[in-house]
């Protein structure tokens, strides 16, 4: 978990809050937290993923990668 936190710290310093590059990272974190049964953090991460998708004008037909 510590390397993941360090990666997010680096991302936050390098990229704007709504950078599309963060979508995959937040989704991965949400999936990991779900697997670890840390549902509160998972919900927060999924919510942030959705916010990023909307901020970057993604639609259901858009490719995230």
Protein backbone atom coordinates (compact mmCIF):
# COMPACT_ATOMS: atom_id res chain seq x y z
CA UNK A 1 0.00 0.00 0.00
CA UNK A 2 2.87 2.38 0.75
CA UNK A 3 4.22 2.36 -2.85
CA UNK A 4 0.74 3.17 -4.11
CA UNK A 5 0.48 6.13 -1.72
CA UNK A 6 3.87 7.36 -2.89
CA UNK A 7 2.78 7.10 -6.52
CA UNK A 8 -0.35 9.15 -5.83
CA UNK A 9 1.75 11.79 -4.04
CA UNK A 10 3.96 12.08 -7.13
CA UNK A 11 0.94 12.27 -9.45
CA UNK A 12 -0.62 15.02 -7.36
CA UNK A 13 2.56 17.09 -7.62
CA UNK A 14 2.94 16.60 -11.36
CA UNK A 15 -0.61 16.69 -12.70
CA UNK A 16 -3.64 18.92 -12.32
CA UNK A 17 -6.44 17.60 -10.10
CA UNK A 18 -8.62 16.68 -13.08
CA UNK A 19 -5.92 15.08 -15.26
CA UNK A 20 -7.24 12.24 -17.38
CA UNK A 21 -4.08 10.27 -16.61
CA UNK A 22 -5.42 9.70 -13.09
CA UNK A 23 -8.54 7.83 -14.20
CA UNK A 24 -6.90 4.41 -14.46
CA UNK A 25 -5.00 4.90 -11.20
CA UNK A 26 -8.08 5.79 -9.17
CA UNK A 27 -10.04 2.93 -10.71
CA UNK A 28 -7.22 0.49 -9.87
CA UNK A 29 -7.12 1.80 -6.31
CA UNK A 30 -10.89 1.38 -6.01
CA UNK A 31 -10.69 -2.20 -7.25
CA UNK A 32 -7.87 -2.97 -4.82
CA UNK A 33 -9.79 -1.47 -1.90
CA UNK A 34 -12.85 -3.51 -2.86
CA UNK A 35 -10.75 -6.69 -2.88
CA UNK A 36 -9.40 -5.74 0.56
CA UNK A 37 -12.96 -5.05 1.78
CA UNK A 38 -12.12 -1.43 2.51
CA UNK A 39 -15.42 -0.28 1.08
CA UNK A 40 -15.34 3.30 2.33
CA UNK A 41 -12.08 4.02 0.50
CA UNK A 42 -13.30 2.05 -2.53
CA UNK A 43 -16.43 4.19 -2.78
CA UNK A 44 -14.37 7.37 -2.49
CA UNK A 45 -12.00 6.16 -5.23
CA UNK A 46 -14.83 5.08 -7.53
CA UNK A 47 -16.51 8.44 -6.98
CA UNK A 48 -13.30 10.24 -7.88
CA UNK A 49 -12.95 8.06 -10.97
CA UNK A 50 -16.44 9.03 -12.09
CA UNK A 51 -15.72 12.70 -11.39
CA UNK A 52 -12.55 12.47 -13.52
CA UNK A 53 -14.46 10.81 -16.35
CA UNK A 54 -17.06 13.58 -16.31
CA UNK A 55 -14.44 16.34 -16.00
CA UNK A 56 -12.67 14.97 -19.06
CA UNK A 57 -15.87 14.61 -21.11
CA UNK A 58 -15.76 10.85 -21.33
CA UNK A 59 -18.92 9.05 -22.39
CA UNK A 60 -19.89 5.40 -22.18
CA UNK A 61 -18.42 4.99 -25.68
CA UNK A 62 -15.07 6.53 -24.74
CA UNK A 63 -11.91 4.54 -24.25
CA UNK A 64 -10.17 5.31 -20.95
CA UNK A 65 -6.80 3.94 -21.99
